[in-house]
Amino acid sequence: MGDGEKLVVAKDTPPVRRRKSPKGVIRRESILTAAMQHFAKDGYQNASFAAIATDVGLSLPGLLHYFPTKVDLLLAILEKRDIESGSAIGEEYADWRKVLLGLIDVTKSNQSIPHVVQAFAVLNAESLTEDHPARSWFASRVSHLRDNLVFSLQKGISAGELKAETNAQSVAAELIGIMDGLQMLWLRSPEEFDMAKVFSDYIHRLIASIERS
């Protein structure tokens, strides 16, 4: 079986839910960490399941016990990444100011985990191809992010906190584009500029331009 990539067909009956042991949770996290490093270096398609297993001291069957396919491993990484990023801006997207300032916190956090950010960027770019297993996940993610940013900004406009002429759709697209663009520049030349500071300066300029005085 090549790198464990064969998809597993779901059974008709739901599996019995078992409590995860602390040792199992720690092992799972170590697998995700190793996988992110391999995905960052080699991309999803070229990353080796066997090499990931070796890095965490497991046999290939041992790794497949935790993640039966490479797709399962990929989705676990993406979900973990989204949970960590989402905690900084709030799940409800109710406070536009908290959301915008929270994006700064996400950017600061990203600077401390370059291998994770690189893996995410590589997977995002790879997912533009038709047959990539994460294509729909990334498309859905950016759509939800854009919609949530628009929702948050619209609430600020309706509350009279943001200028009435603020175009929430345009600002949301601008935010996503700035974050992605700065991230790529930083990944290529991390020593040349402080990504979090550049983004923080941008956010504060943005707030000053759209907030009602």
N, C-alpha and C. Protein backbone atom coordinates (compact mmCIF):
# COMPACT_ATOMS: atom_id res chain seq x y z
N MET A 1 0.86 -1.20 0.00
CA MET A 1 0.00 0.00 0.00
C MET A 1 0.88 1.23 0.00
N GLY A 2 0.82 2.06 -1.03
CA GLY A 2 1.72 3.20 -1.17
C GLY A 2 1.44 4.30 -0.20
N ASP A 3 2.29 4.45 0.81
CA ASP A 3 2.20 5.52 1.80
C ASP A 3 0.82 5.60 2.45
N GLY A 4 0.06 4.52 2.45
CA GLY A 4 -1.21 4.50 3.17
C GLY A 4 -2.26 5.41 2.59
N GLU A 5 -2.23 5.65 1.27
CA GLU A 5 -3.10 6.65 0.69
C GLU A 5 -4.44 6.09 0.22
N LYS A 6 -4.66 4.79 0.33
CA LYS A 6 -5.92 4.21 -0.09
C LYS A 6 -7.02 4.64 0.85
N LEU A 7 -8.12 5.16 0.29
CA LEU A 7 -9.21 5.65 1.11
C LEU A 7 -9.93 4.49 1.78
N VAL A 8 -10.38 4.70 3.01
CA VAL A 8 -11.09 3.68 3.76
C VAL A 8 -12.58 3.91 3.63
N VAL A 9 -13.34 2.88 3.26
CA VAL A 9 -14.78 3.00 3.09
C VAL A 9 -15.44 2.93 4.45
N ALA A 10 -16.34 3.87 4.72
CA ALA A 10 -17.00 3.93 6.02
C ALA A 10 -17.92 2.74 6.21
N LYS A 11 -18.01 2.23 7.42
CA LYS A 11 -18.89 1.11 7.73
C LYS A 11 -20.31 1.62 7.94
N ASP A 12 -21.30 0.70 7.82
CA ASP A 12 -22.70 1.09 7.98
C ASP A 12 -23.02 1.45 9.41
N THR A 13 -22.36 0.82 10.37
CA THR A 13 -22.61 1.10 11.77
C THR A 13 -21.54 2.01 12.33
N PRO A 14 -21.93 2.97 13.18
CA PRO A 14 -20.94 3.90 13.72
C PRO A 14 -19.97 3.18 14.63
N PRO A 15 -18.71 3.62 14.65
CA PRO A 15 -17.72 2.98 15.52
C PRO A 15 -17.99 3.28 16.98
N VAL A 16 -17.55 2.38 17.84
CA VAL A 16 -17.68 2.60 19.28
C VAL A 16 -16.71 3.70 19.69
N ARG A 17 -17.22 4.72 20.39
CA ARG A 17 -16.37 5.83 20.82
C ARG A 17 -15.55 5.41 22.04
N ARG A 18 -14.24 5.51 21.91
CA ARG A 18 -13.37 5.15 23.02
C ARG A 18 -12.68 6.39 23.56
N ARG A 19 -12.43 6.40 24.84
CA ARG A 19 -11.69 7.50 25.44
C ARG A 19 -10.23 7.42 25.03
N LYS A 20 -9.68 8.56 24.63
CA LYS A 20 -8.28 8.58 24.21
C LYS A 20 -7.39 8.65 25.44
N SER A 21 -6.37 7.79 25.46
CA SER A 21 -5.44 7.80 26.59
C SER A 21 -4.51 9.01 26.45
N PRO A 22 -4.01 9.53 27.59
CA PRO A 22 -3.06 10.66 27.51
C PRO A 22 -1.87 10.34 26.62
N LYS A 23 -1.38 9.09 26.71
CA LYS A 23 -0.24 8.69 25.87
C LYS A 23 -0.62 8.74 24.40
N GLY A 24 -1.85 8.30 24.09
CA GLY A 24 -2.31 8.33 22.71
C GLY A 24 -2.46 9.74 22.18
N VAL A 25 -2.94 10.65 23.03
CA VAL A 25 -3.09 12.05 22.63
C VAL A 25 -1.73 12.67 22.34
N ILE A 26 -0.76 12.39 23.21
CA ILE A 26 0.59 12.92 23.03
C ILE A 26 1.21 12.37 21.74
N ARG A 27 1.01 11.08 21.51
CA ARG A 27 1.55 10.46 20.29
C ARG A 27 0.90 11.09 19.06
N ARG A 28 -0.41 11.31 19.11
CA ARG A 28 -1.12 11.90 17.98
C ARG A 28 -0.58 13.30 17.67
N GLU A 29 -0.34 14.08 18.72
CA GLU A 29 0.19 15.43 18.52
C GLU A 29 1.60 15.39 17.92
N SER A 30 2.40 14.41 18.34
CA SER A 30 3.75 14.30 17.79
C SER A 30 3.70 13.92 16.31
N ILE A 31 2.73 13.10 15.94
CA ILE A 31 2.55 12.73 14.53
C ILE A 31 2.16 13.95 13.70
N LEU A 32 1.25 14.75 14.23
CA LEU A 32 0.81 15.95 13.50
C LEU A 32 1.98 16.93 13.32
N THR A 33 2.79 17.07 14.37
CA THR A 33 3.95 17.96 14.28
C THR A 33 4.93 17.49 13.22
N ALA A 34 5.23 16.19 13.23
CA ALA A 34 6.16 15.64 12.24
C ALA A 34 5.59 15.75 10.84
N ALA A 35 4.30 15.50 10.70
CA ALA A 35 3.67 15.56 9.38
C ALA A 35 3.70 16.97 8.82
N MET A 36 3.46 17.97 9.67
CA MET A 36 3.51 19.35 9.20
C MET A 36 4.89 19.71 8.68
N GLN A 37 5.92 19.20 9.34
CA GLN A 37 7.29 19.47 8.88
C GLN A 37 7.55 18.83 7.52
N HIS A 38 7.04 17.61 7.33
CA HIS A 38 7.23 16.93 6.04
C HIS A 38 6.39 17.59 4.95
N PHE A 39 5.16 17.99 5.27
CA PHE A 39 4.32 18.64 4.28
C PHE A 39 4.92 19.99 3.88
N ALA A 40 5.53 20.68 4.85
CA ALA A 40 6.15 21.97 4.56
C ALA A 40 7.34 21.80 3.63
N LYS A 41 8.11 20.72 3.85
CA LYS A 41 9.34 20.50 3.08
C LYS A 41 9.07 19.87 1.72
N ASP A 42 8.16 18.89 1.68
CA ASP A 42 7.97 18.09 0.47
C ASP A 42 6.63 18.30 -0.22
N GLY A 43 5.69 18.99 0.44
CA GLY A 43 4.35 19.07 -0.12
C GLY A 43 3.55 17.83 0.23
N TYR A 44 2.24 17.91 0.06
CA TYR A 44 1.38 16.77 0.41
C TYR A 44 1.67 15.55 -0.45
N GLN A 45 1.73 15.77 -1.76
CA GLN A 45 1.87 14.64 -2.67
C GLN A 45 3.16 13.86 -2.46
N ASN A 46 4.25 14.56 -2.17
CA ASN A 46 5.56 13.91 -2.06
C ASN A 46 5.94 13.49 -0.64
N ALA A 47 5.20 13.96 0.35
CA ALA A 47 5.53 13.59 1.73
C ALA A 47 5.35 12.08 1.92
N SER A 48 6.27 11.47 2.62
CA SER A 48 6.25 10.03 2.81
C SER A 48 5.65 9.63 4.15
N PHE A 49 4.63 8.79 4.10
CA PHE A 49 4.03 8.27 5.32
C PHE A 49 5.07 7.52 6.15
N ALA A 50 5.90 6.73 5.46
CA ALA A 50 6.92 5.93 6.15
C ALA A 50 7.92 6.81 6.88
N ALA A 51 8.32 7.93 6.23
CA ALA A 51 9.28 8.84 6.86
C ALA A 51 8.68 9.51 8.08
N ILE A 52 7.41 9.87 8.00
CA ILE A 52 6.73 10.47 9.15
C ILE A 52 6.70 9.48 10.31
N ALA A 53 6.38 8.24 10.00
CA ALA A 53 6.35 7.19 11.04
C ALA A 53 7.71 7.04 11.70
N THR A 54 8.75 7.03 10.89
CA THR A 54 10.11 6.89 11.43
C THR A 54 10.45 8.04 12.37
N ASP A 55 10.06 9.25 11.99
CA ASP A 55 10.36 10.43 12.81
C ASP A 55 9.77 10.34 14.21
N VAL A 56 8.63 9.69 14.34
CA VAL A 56 7.97 9.62 15.66
C VAL A 56 8.16 8.25 16.31
N GLY A 57 9.07 7.43 15.74
CA GLY A 57 9.38 6.15 16.35
C GLY A 57 8.32 5.09 16.20
N LEU A 58 7.56 5.15 15.09
CA LEU A 58 6.52 4.17 14.84
C LEU A 58 6.82 3.39 13.56
N SER A 59 6.27 2.20 13.47
CA SER A 59 6.26 1.48 12.20
C SER A 59 5.14 2.07 11.35
N LEU A 60 5.15 1.74 10.07
CA LEU A 60 4.06 2.23 9.21
C LEU A 60 2.70 1.73 9.68
N PRO A 61 2.56 0.43 10.04
CA PRO A 61 1.27 -0.01 10.59
C PRO A 61 0.89 0.74 11.87
N GLY A 62 1.90 1.10 12.68
CA GLY A 62 1.62 1.85 13.90
C GLY A 62 1.06 3.22 13.59
N LEU A 63 1.62 3.88 12.56
CA LEU A 63 1.10 5.19 12.16
C LEU A 63 -0.31 5.07 11.60
N LEU A 64 -0.56 4.00 10.84
CA LEU A 64 -1.88 3.81 10.25
C LEU A 64 -2.94 3.54 11.31
N HIS A 65 -2.52 3.11 12.49
CA HIS A 65 -3.47 2.93 13.60
C HIS A 65 -4.07 4.29 13.99
N TYR A 66 -3.26 5.33 13.93
CA TYR A 66 -3.73 6.68 14.29
C TYR A 66 -4.40 7.38 13.10
N PHE A 67 -3.81 7.23 11.93
CA PHE A 67 -4.32 7.89 10.72
C PHE A 67 -4.30 6.86 9.58
N PRO A 68 -5.44 6.26 9.28
CA PRO A 68 -5.49 5.19 8.28
C PRO A 68 -5.03 5.61 6.88
N THR A 69 -5.17 6.89 6.54
CA THR A 69 -4.76 7.36 5.22
C THR A 69 -4.05 8.70 5.35
N LYS A 70 -3.32 9.07 4.31
CA LYS A 70 -2.67 10.37 4.31
C LYS A 70 -3.71 11.49 4.29
N VAL A 71 -4.87 11.24 3.68
CA VAL A 71 -5.95 12.22 3.68
C VAL A 71 -6.42 12.49 5.11
N ASP A 72 -6.56 11.43 5.91
CA ASP A 72 -6.97 11.61 7.31
C ASP A 72 -5.97 12.49 8.06
N LEU A 73 -4.68 12.25 7.80
CA LEU A 73 -3.63 13.03 8.45
C LEU A 73 -3.69 14.49 8.00
N LEU A 74 -3.88 14.70 6.72
CA LEU A 74 -3.97 16.04 6.18
C LEU A 74 -5.12 16.81 6.81
N LEU A 75 -6.29 16.21 6.87
CA LEU A 75 -7.47 16.89 7.41
C LEU A 75 -7.30 17.17 8.91
N ALA A 76 -6.64 16.26 9.63
CA ALA A 76 -6.39 16.50 11.05
C ALA A 76 -5.50 17.71 11.26
N ILE A 77 -4.49 17.87 10.40
CA ILE A 77 -3.60 19.02 10.47
C ILE A 77 -4.38 20.31 10.20
N LEU A 78 -5.21 20.29 9.17
CA LEU A 78 -5.96 21.48 8.80
C LEU A 78 -6.95 21.88 9.91
N GLU A 79 -7.60 20.89 10.50
CA GLU A 79 -8.55 21.17 11.56
C GLU A 79 -7.85 21.72 12.80
N LYS A 80 -6.70 21.14 13.13
CA LYS A 80 -5.93 21.62 14.29
C LYS A 80 -5.51 23.08 14.06
N ARG A 81 -5.07 23.37 12.86
CA ARG A 81 -4.63 24.72 12.51
C ARG A 81 -5.78 25.72 12.62
N ASP A 82 -6.95 25.33 12.15
CA ASP A 82 -8.09 26.23 12.19
C ASP A 82 -8.55 26.50 13.62
N ILE A 83 -8.53 25.48 14.46
CA ILE A 83 -8.92 25.66 15.86
C ILE A 83 -7.98 26.63 16.56
N GLU A 84 -6.69 26.48 16.33
CA GLU A 84 -5.70 27.35 16.97
C GLU A 84 -5.84 28.79 16.49
N SER A 85 -6.11 28.98 15.20
CA SER A 85 -6.26 30.33 14.67
C SER A 85 -7.57 30.96 15.13
N GLY A 86 -8.63 30.17 15.16
CA GLY A 86 -9.94 30.70 15.51
C GLY A 86 -10.05 31.17 16.93
N SER A 87 -9.28 30.60 17.84
CA SER A 87 -9.38 30.98 19.25
C SER A 87 -8.98 32.43 19.49
N ALA A 88 -8.18 33.01 18.59
CA ALA A 88 -7.70 34.37 18.79
C ALA A 88 -8.73 35.42 18.40
N ILE A 89 -9.67 35.07 17.52
CA ILE A 89 -10.60 36.09 17.03
C ILE A 89 -12.03 35.86 17.49
N GLY A 90 -12.29 34.77 18.16
CA GLY A 90 -13.62 34.52 18.67
C GLY A 90 -14.50 33.82 17.65
N GLU A 91 -15.21 32.80 18.08
CA GLU A 91 -15.99 32.00 17.15
C GLU A 91 -17.22 32.74 16.64
N GLU A 92 -17.72 33.71 17.38
CA GLU A 92 -18.96 34.35 17.00
C GLU A 92 -18.77 35.50 16.00
N TYR A 93 -17.57 36.01 15.87
CA TYR A 93 -17.29 37.14 14.98
C TYR A 93 -18.23 38.32 15.26
N ALA A 94 -18.62 38.48 16.53
CA ALA A 94 -19.62 39.49 16.86
C ALA A 94 -19.02 40.89 17.03
N ASP A 95 -17.79 40.99 17.47
CA ASP A 95 -17.16 42.29 17.75
C ASP A 95 -16.11 42.56 16.67
N TRP A 96 -16.40 43.48 15.77
CA TRP A 96 -15.51 43.73 14.64
C TRP A 96 -14.11 44.14 15.09
N ARG A 97 -14.04 44.93 16.17
CA ARG A 97 -12.72 45.38 16.63
C ARG A 97 -11.92 44.19 17.18
N LYS A 98 -12.58 43.33 17.96
CA LYS A 98 -11.89 42.16 18.50
C LYS A 98 -11.42 41.26 17.36
N VAL A 99 -12.24 41.14 16.33
CA VAL A 99 -11.86 40.30 15.18
C VAL A 99 -10.62 40.84 14.50
N LEU A 100 -10.60 42.16 14.21
CA LEU A 100 -9.46 42.74 13.51
C LEU A 100 -8.19 42.68 14.35
N LEU A 101 -8.31 43.00 15.64
CA LEU A 101 -7.13 42.93 16.50
C LEU A 101 -6.71 41.47 16.74
N GLY A 102 -7.68 40.57 16.72
CA GLY A 102 -7.37 39.15 16.88
C GLY A 102 -6.57 38.61 15.71
N LEU A 103 -6.78 39.18 14.52
CA LEU A 103 -5.99 38.77 13.37
C LEU A 103 -4.51 39.11 13.56
N ILE A 104 -4.25 40.19 14.30
CA ILE A 104 -2.86 40.52 14.63
C ILE A 104 -2.26 39.43 15.51
N ASP A 105 -3.04 38.96 16.48
CA ASP A 105 -2.56 37.89 17.37
C ASP A 105 -2.28 36.61 16.58
N VAL A 106 -3.14 36.33 15.60
CA VAL A 106 -2.90 35.15 14.75
C VAL A 106 -1.58 35.29 14.01
N THR A 107 -1.32 36.49 13.48
CA THR A 107 -0.08 36.73 12.74
C THR A 107 1.14 36.61 13.65
N LYS A 108 1.04 37.14 14.86
CA LYS A 108 2.13 37.01 15.82
C LYS A 108 2.41 35.54 16.14
N SER A 109 1.34 34.79 16.35
CA SER A 109 1.49 33.37 16.64
C SER A 109 2.14 32.64 15.47
N ASN A 110 1.76 33.03 14.25
CA ASN A 110 2.31 32.38 13.06
C ASN A 110 3.83 32.52 12.99
N GLN A 111 4.34 33.65 13.44
CA GLN A 111 5.78 33.87 13.37
C GLN A 111 6.56 32.90 14.25
N SER A 112 5.90 32.33 15.23
CA SER A 112 6.59 31.40 16.13
C SER A 112 6.52 29.95 15.65
N ILE A 113 5.76 29.71 14.59
CA ILE A 113 5.62 28.34 14.07
C ILE A 113 5.80 28.33 12.55
N PRO A 114 7.00 28.71 12.08
CA PRO A 114 7.19 28.84 10.62
C PRO A 114 6.95 27.55 9.85
N HIS A 115 7.31 26.38 10.43
CA HIS A 115 7.11 25.13 9.69
C HIS A 115 5.63 24.83 9.50
N VAL A 116 4.81 25.22 10.48
CA VAL A 116 3.36 25.02 10.37
C VAL A 116 2.79 25.94 9.29
N VAL A 117 3.21 27.20 9.34
CA VAL A 117 2.73 28.18 8.36
C VAL A 117 3.15 27.78 6.95
N GLN A 118 4.38 27.30 6.82
CA GLN A 118 4.85 26.89 5.50
C GLN A 118 4.05 25.68 4.99
N ALA A 119 3.79 24.73 5.87
CA ALA A 119 3.00 23.56 5.47
C ALA A 119 1.62 23.99 5.00
N PHE A 120 1.02 24.91 5.75
CA PHE A 120 -0.32 25.39 5.41
C PHE A 120 -0.30 26.11 4.07
N ALA A 121 0.74 26.94 3.83
CA ALA A 121 0.85 27.68 2.58
C ALA A 121 1.06 26.74 1.40
N VAL A 122 1.91 25.74 1.59
CA VAL A 122 2.17 24.76 0.52
C VAL A 122 0.90 24.00 0.18
N LEU A 123 0.19 23.55 1.21
CA LEU A 123 -1.05 22.79 0.99
C LEU A 123 -2.11 23.67 0.33
N ASN A 124 -2.17 24.93 0.73
CA ASN A 124 -3.14 25.85 0.14
C ASN A 124 -2.87 26.01 -1.35
N ALA A 125 -1.60 26.20 -1.71
CA ALA A 125 -1.25 26.35 -3.13
C ALA A 125 -1.51 25.06 -3.90
N GLU A 126 -1.13 23.91 -3.32
CA GLU A 126 -1.36 22.62 -3.98
C GLU A 126 -2.84 22.35 -4.19
N SER A 127 -3.68 22.85 -3.28
CA SER A 127 -5.12 22.56 -3.33
C SER A 127 -5.82 23.25 -4.49
N LEU A 128 -5.10 24.10 -5.23
CA LEU A 128 -5.69 24.73 -6.41
C LEU A 128 -5.87 23.73 -7.55
N THR A 129 -5.15 22.60 -7.48
CA THR A 129 -5.29 21.57 -8.51
C THR A 129 -6.59 20.80 -8.30
N GLU A 130 -7.16 20.33 -9.41
CA GLU A 130 -8.50 19.72 -9.38
C GLU A 130 -8.59 18.49 -8.47
N ASP A 131 -7.55 17.66 -8.45
CA ASP A 131 -7.66 16.37 -7.76
C ASP A 131 -7.08 16.38 -6.35
N HIS A 132 -6.74 17.56 -5.82
CA HIS A 132 -6.15 17.59 -4.49
C HIS A 132 -7.21 17.30 -3.43
N PRO A 133 -6.92 16.44 -2.45
CA PRO A 133 -7.93 16.07 -1.45
C PRO A 133 -8.36 17.21 -0.54
N ALA A 134 -7.58 18.28 -0.47
CA ALA A 134 -7.95 19.41 0.40
C ALA A 134 -8.56 20.57 -0.39
N ARG A 135 -8.82 20.36 -1.68
CA ARG A 135 -9.34 21.45 -2.51
C ARG A 135 -10.64 22.03 -1.93
N SER A 136 -11.59 21.17 -1.63
CA SER A 136 -12.88 21.66 -1.13
C SER A 136 -12.73 22.26 0.27
N TRP A 137 -11.82 21.69 1.08
CA TRP A 137 -11.62 22.22 2.44
C TRP A 137 -11.12 23.65 2.39
N PHE A 138 -10.12 23.93 1.57
CA PHE A 138 -9.57 25.28 1.48
C PHE A 138 -10.58 26.24 0.85
N ALA A 139 -11.32 25.78 -0.16
CA ALA A 139 -12.33 26.64 -0.79
C ALA A 139 -13.41 27.01 0.22
N SER A 140 -13.83 26.02 1.01
CA SER A 140 -14.85 26.27 2.03
C SER A 140 -14.31 27.20 3.12
N ARG A 141 -13.05 26.98 3.49
CA ARG A 141 -12.45 27.79 4.55
C ARG A 141 -12.39 29.26 4.18
N VAL A 142 -11.90 29.57 2.98
CA VAL A 142 -11.79 30.97 2.59
C VAL A 142 -13.17 31.60 2.42
N SER A 143 -14.13 30.80 1.96
CA SER A 143 -15.49 31.31 1.82
C SER A 143 -16.09 31.65 3.17
N HIS A 144 -15.91 30.75 4.14
CA HIS A 144 -16.44 31.00 5.49
C HIS A 144 -15.73 32.18 6.15
N LEU A 145 -14.43 32.25 5.98
CA LEU A 145 -13.67 33.36 6.57
C LEU A 145 -14.15 34.69 6.00
N ARG A 146 -14.30 34.75 4.68
CA ARG A 146 -14.76 35.98 4.04
C ARG A 146 -16.17 36.35 4.54
N ASP A 147 -17.06 35.34 4.59
CA ASP A 147 -18.43 35.60 5.03
C ASP A 147 -18.47 36.07 6.49
N ASN A 148 -17.63 35.47 7.34
CA ASN A 148 -17.61 35.86 8.75
C ASN A 148 -17.05 37.26 8.95
N LEU A 149 -16.03 37.62 8.16
CA LEU A 149 -15.49 38.97 8.24
C LEU A 149 -16.52 39.99 7.78
N VAL A 150 -17.22 39.67 6.70
CA VAL A 150 -18.28 40.56 6.20
C VAL A 150 -19.37 40.73 7.27
N PHE A 151 -19.76 39.62 7.89
CA PHE A 151 -20.77 39.66 8.95
C PHE A 151 -20.34 40.58 10.09
N SER A 152 -19.10 40.43 10.52
CA SER A 152 -18.58 41.24 11.63
C SER A 152 -18.55 42.72 11.27
N LEU A 153 -18.08 43.04 10.08
CA LEU A 153 -18.00 44.43 9.64
C LEU A 153 -19.39 45.03 9.45
N GLN A 154 -20.30 44.25 8.92
CA GLN A 154 -21.67 44.73 8.74
C GLN A 154 -22.33 45.07 10.08
N LYS A 155 -22.02 44.26 11.10
CA LYS A 155 -22.55 44.56 12.43
C LYS A 155 -22.02 45.89 12.93
N GLY A 156 -20.75 46.15 12.65
CA GLY A 156 -20.18 47.44 13.05
C GLY A 156 -20.81 48.60 12.32
N ILE A 157 -21.11 48.40 11.04
CA ILE A 157 -21.78 49.45 10.26
C ILE A 157 -23.18 49.68 10.80
N SER A 158 -23.93 48.61 11.04
CA SER A 158 -25.30 48.72 11.53
C SER A 158 -25.36 49.37 12.91
N ALA A 159 -24.34 49.13 13.72
CA ALA A 159 -24.29 49.72 15.06
C ALA A 159 -23.83 51.17 15.04
N GLY A 160 -23.46 51.67 13.88
CA GLY A 160 -22.99 53.05 13.77
C GLY A 160 -21.57 53.25 14.22
N GLU A 161 -20.84 52.14 14.40
CA GLU A 161 -19.44 52.24 14.84
C GLU A 161 -18.48 52.40 13.66
N LEU A 162 -18.90 51.91 12.51
CA LEU A 162 -18.09 52.04 11.30
C LEU A 162 -18.82 52.95 10.31
N LYS A 163 -18.04 53.61 9.47
CA LYS A 163 -18.62 54.53 8.51
C LYS A 163 -19.62 53.81 7.60
N ALA A 164 -20.71 54.49 7.30
CA ALA A 164 -21.78 53.88 6.51
C ALA A 164 -21.30 53.48 5.12
N GLU A 165 -20.34 54.21 4.58
CA GLU A 165 -19.86 53.91 3.22
C GLU A 165 -18.84 52.77 3.18
N THR A 166 -18.51 52.20 4.33
CA THR A 166 -17.57 51.07 4.36
C THR A 166 -18.13 49.91 3.56
N ASN A 167 -17.34 49.40 2.63
CA ASN A 167 -17.74 48.25 1.83
C ASN A 167 -17.19 46.99 2.50
N ALA A 168 -18.07 46.30 3.22
CA ALA A 168 -17.63 45.15 4.01
C ALA A 168 -17.03 44.05 3.13
N GLN A 169 -17.60 43.82 1.96
CA GLN A 169 -17.08 42.79 1.06
C GLN A 169 -15.65 43.10 0.63
N SER A 170 -15.41 44.36 0.26
CA SER A 170 -14.08 44.76 -0.20
C SER A 170 -13.06 44.68 0.92
N VAL A 171 -13.45 45.14 2.11
CA VAL A 171 -12.53 45.11 3.25
C VAL A 171 -12.18 43.68 3.62
N ALA A 172 -13.16 42.78 3.59
CA ALA A 172 -12.91 41.37 3.91
C ALA A 172 -11.93 40.76 2.92
N ALA A 173 -12.14 41.03 1.63
CA ALA A 173 -11.23 40.50 0.61
C ALA A 173 -9.83 41.08 0.77
N GLU A 174 -9.77 42.36 1.11
CA GLU A 174 -8.47 43.02 1.32
C GLU A 174 -7.73 42.39 2.50
N LEU A 175 -8.44 42.13 3.57
CA LEU A 175 -7.83 41.53 4.76
C LEU A 175 -7.21 40.17 4.43
N ILE A 176 -7.97 39.34 3.74
CA ILE A 176 -7.47 38.00 3.40
C ILE A 176 -6.28 38.10 2.47
N GLY A 177 -6.36 39.00 1.50
CA GLY A 177 -5.26 39.16 0.55
C GLY A 177 -3.99 39.67 1.22
N ILE A 178 -4.13 40.63 2.12
CA ILE A 178 -2.97 41.17 2.82
C ILE A 178 -2.31 40.09 3.69
N MET A 179 -3.13 39.34 4.42
CA MET A 179 -2.59 38.29 5.28
C MET A 179 -1.83 37.25 4.47
N ASP A 180 -2.46 36.78 3.38
CA ASP A 180 -1.82 35.75 2.57
C ASP A 180 -0.55 36.28 1.90
N GLY A 181 -0.61 37.51 1.40
CA GLY A 181 0.55 38.08 0.72
C GLY A 181 1.73 38.30 1.66
N LEU A 182 1.46 38.86 2.83
CA LEU A 182 2.54 39.07 3.80
C LEU A 182 3.14 37.75 4.26
N GLN A 183 2.27 36.76 4.39
CA GLN A 183 2.75 35.45 4.82
C GLN A 183 3.73 34.87 3.81
N MET A 184 3.43 34.99 2.52
CA MET A 184 4.32 34.47 1.50
C MET A 184 5.65 35.23 1.48
N LEU A 185 5.59 36.56 1.61
CA LEU A 185 6.83 37.35 1.67
C LEU A 185 7.68 36.95 2.86
N TRP A 186 7.04 36.75 4.00
CA TRP A 186 7.76 36.38 5.22
C TRP A 186 8.38 35.00 5.11
N LEU A 187 7.65 34.05 4.51
CA LEU A 187 8.19 32.70 4.36
C LEU A 187 9.42 32.69 3.47
N ARG A 188 9.46 33.56 2.48
CA ARG A 188 10.61 33.62 1.59
C ARG A 188 11.80 34.33 2.23
N SER A 189 11.51 35.36 3.03
CA SER A 189 12.60 36.15 3.64
C SER A 189 12.25 36.50 5.08
N PRO A 190 12.22 35.50 5.97
CA PRO A 190 11.77 35.75 7.35
C PRO A 190 12.64 36.72 8.13
N GLU A 191 13.90 36.90 7.73
CA GLU A 191 14.80 37.78 8.47
C GLU A 191 14.70 39.24 8.02
N GLU A 192 14.00 39.49 6.93
CA GLU A 192 14.02 40.82 6.35
C GLU A 192 12.98 41.77 6.93
N PHE A 193 11.90 41.24 7.48
CA PHE A 193 10.91 42.14 8.07
C PHE A 193 10.06 41.40 9.10
N ASP A 194 9.44 42.20 9.96
CA ASP A 194 8.60 41.68 11.03
C ASP A 194 7.16 41.62 10.51
N MET A 195 6.71 40.43 10.13
CA MET A 195 5.39 40.28 9.55
C MET A 195 4.29 40.78 10.47
N ALA A 196 4.38 40.45 11.74
CA ALA A 196 3.34 40.86 12.69
C ALA A 196 3.26 42.37 12.83
N LYS A 197 4.41 43.05 12.84
CA LYS A 197 4.41 44.50 12.97
C LYS A 197 3.84 45.16 11.72
N VAL A 198 4.23 44.66 10.55
CA VAL A 198 3.71 45.22 9.30
C VAL A 198 2.19 45.05 9.25
N PHE A 199 1.72 43.87 9.64
CA PHE A 199 0.28 43.62 9.60
C PHE A 199 -0.44 44.45 10.67
N SER A 200 0.17 44.58 11.84
CA SER A 200 -0.43 45.38 12.91
C SER A 200 -0.57 46.84 12.47
N ASP A 201 0.46 47.37 11.83
CA ASP A 201 0.39 48.75 11.33
C ASP A 201 -0.74 48.89 10.32
N TYR A 202 -0.89 47.90 9.45
CA TYR A 202 -1.96 47.93 8.45
C TYR A 202 -3.33 47.91 9.12
N ILE A 203 -3.52 47.03 10.12
CA ILE A 203 -4.81 46.91 10.80
C ILE A 203 -5.19 48.23 11.47
N HIS A 204 -4.23 48.87 12.11
CA HIS A 204 -4.54 50.12 12.79
C HIS A 204 -4.84 51.24 11.80
N ARG A 205 -4.17 51.23 10.64
CA ARG A 205 -4.52 52.19 9.58
C ARG A 205 -5.93 51.92 9.06
N LEU A 206 -6.25 50.62 8.92
CA LEU A 206 -7.58 50.26 8.43
C LEU A 206 -8.66 50.71 9.41
N ILE A 207 -8.44 50.44 10.70
CA ILE A 207 -9.43 50.85 11.71
C ILE A 207 -9.63 52.36 11.68
N ALA A 208 -8.54 53.11 11.57
CA ALA A 208 -8.63 54.57 11.55
C ALA A 208 -9.41 55.05 10.33
N SER A 209 -9.33 54.31 9.23
CA SER A 209 -9.98 54.75 7.99
C SER A 209 -11.46 54.39 7.92
N ILE A 210 -11.90 53.36 8.66
CA ILE A 210 -13.30 52.94 8.56
C ILE A 210 -14.12 53.25 9.81
N GLU A 211 -13.47 53.56 10.92
CA GLU A 211 -14.20 53.83 12.16
C GLU A 211 -14.78 55.23 12.15
N ARG A 212 -16.02 55.35 12.63
CA ARG A 212 -16.64 56.67 12.74
C ARG A 212 -16.00 57.43 13.89
N SER A 213 -15.72 58.68 13.64
CA SER A 213 -15.07 59.50 14.68
C SER A 213 -16.11 60.14 15.59
